[in-house]
Amino acid sequence: MFLISVFKNFFFFWLFQLI
């Protein structure tokens, strides 16, 4: 699904910002 892909992308982006 496209929505899940976008959500995963956003999650990883947020994760990298945390570090």
PDB file of N, CA and C in Angstrom:
ATOM      1  N   MET A   1       0.837  -1.205   0.000  1.00  0.00           N
ATOM      2  CA  MET A   1       0.000   0.000   0.000  1.00  0.00           C
ATOM      3  C   MET A   1       0.873   1.258   0.000  1.00  0.00           C
ATOM      4  N   PHE A   2       0.372   2.280  -0.633  1.00  0.00           N
ATOM      5  CA  PHE A   2       1.141   3.536  -0.743  1.00  0.00           C
ATOM      6  C   PHE A   2       1.202   4.258   0.605  1.00  0.00           C
ATOM      7  N   LEU A   3       0.087   4.231   1.324  1.00  0.00           N
ATOM      8  CA  LEU A   3       0.019   4.940   2.618  1.00  0.00           C
ATOM      9  C   LEU A   3       1.030   4.353   3.602  1.00  0.00           C
ATOM     10  N   ILE A   4       1.110   3.040   3.649  1.00  0.00           N
ATOM     11  CA  ILE A   4       2.055   2.384   4.573  1.00  0.00           C
ATOM     12  C   ILE A   4       3.483   2.759   4.207  1.00  0.00           C
ATOM     13  N   SER A   5       3.768   2.845   2.923  1.00  0.00           N
ATOM     14  CA  SER A   5       5.121   3.209   2.475  1.00  0.00           C
ATOM     15  C   SER A   5       5.481   4.619   2.943  1.00  0.00           C
ATOM     16  N   VAL A   6       4.549   5.518   2.805  1.00  0.00           N
ATOM     17  CA  VAL A   6       4.787   6.909   3.228  1.00  0.00           C
ATOM     18  C   VAL A   6       4.974   6.973   4.744  1.00  0.00           C
ATOM     19  N   PHE A   7       4.146   6.214   5.446  1.00  0.00           N
ATOM     20  CA  PHE A   7       4.226   6.208   6.909  1.00  0.00           C
ATOM     21  C   PHE A   7       5.586   5.670   7.354  1.00  0.00           C
ATOM     22  N   LYS A   8       6.048   4.600   6.725  1.00  0.00           N
ATOM     23  CA  LYS A   8       7.360   4.030   7.062  1.00  0.00           C
ATOM     24  C   LYS A   8       8.463   5.045   6.783  1.00  0.00           C
ATOM     25  N   ASN A   9       8.352   5.725   5.669  1.00  0.00           N
ATOM     26  CA  ASN A   9       9.353   6.733   5.309  1.00  0.00           C
ATOM     27  C   ASN A   9       9.407   7.844   6.366  1.00  0.00           C
ATOM     28  N   PHE A  10       8.239   8.297   6.773  1.00  0.00           N
ATOM     29  CA  PHE A  10       8.158   9.356   7.776  1.00  0.00           C
ATOM     30  C   PHE A  10       8.724   8.878   9.117  1.00  0.00           C
ATOM     31  N   PHE A  11       8.425   7.627   9.455  1.00  0.00           N
ATOM     32  CA  PHE A  11       8.895   7.064  10.720  1.00  0.00           C
ATOM     33  C   PHE A  11      10.420   7.000  10.748  1.00  0.00           C
ATOM     34  N   PHE A  12      11.017   6.534   9.680  1.00  0.00           N
ATOM     35  CA  PHE A  12      12.475   6.443   9.612  1.00  0.00           C
ATOM     36  C   PHE A  12      13.109   7.834   9.650  1.00  0.00           C
ATOM     37  N   PHE A  13      12.471   8.779   8.995  1.00  0.00           N
ATOM     38  CA  PHE A  13      12.975  10.155   8.988  1.00  0.00           C
ATOM     39  C   PHE A  13      12.977  10.720  10.411  1.00  0.00           C
ATOM     40  N   TRP A  14      11.893  10.471  11.146  1.00  0.00           N
ATOM     41  CA  TRP A  14      11.777  10.946  12.519  1.00  0.00           C
ATOM     42  C   TRP A  14      12.806  10.255  13.407  1.00  0.00           C
ATOM     43  N   LEU A  15      13.032   8.971  13.126  1.00  0.00           N
ATOM     44  CA  LEU A  15      14.004   8.208  13.904  1.00  0.00           C
ATOM     45  C   LEU A  15      15.406   8.792  13.733  1.00  0.00           C
ATOM     46  N   PHE A  16      15.742   9.139  12.511  1.00  0.00           N
ATOM     47  CA  PHE A  16      17.068   9.708  12.246  1.00  0.00           C
ATOM     48  C   PHE A  16      17.216  11.094  12.875  1.00  0.00           C
ATOM     49  N   GLN A  17      16.135  11.818  12.944  1.00  0.00           N
ATOM     50  CA  GLN A  17      16.183  13.150  13.563  1.00  0.00           C
ATOM     51  C   GLN A  17      16.418  13.038  15.064  1.00  0.00           C
ATOM     52  N   LEU A  18      15.944  11.952  15.642  1.00  0.00           N
ATOM     53  CA  LEU A  18      16.111  11.746  17.083  1.00  0.00           C
ATOM     54  C   LEU A  18      17.589  11.546  17.427  1.00  0.00           C
ATOM     55  N   ILE A  19      18.262  10.823  16.560  1.00  0.00           N
ATOM     56  CA  ILE A  19      19.680  10.517  16.821  1.00  0.00           C
ATOM     57  C   ILE A  19      20.521  11.779  16.659  1.00  0.00           C
TER      58      ILE A  19
END
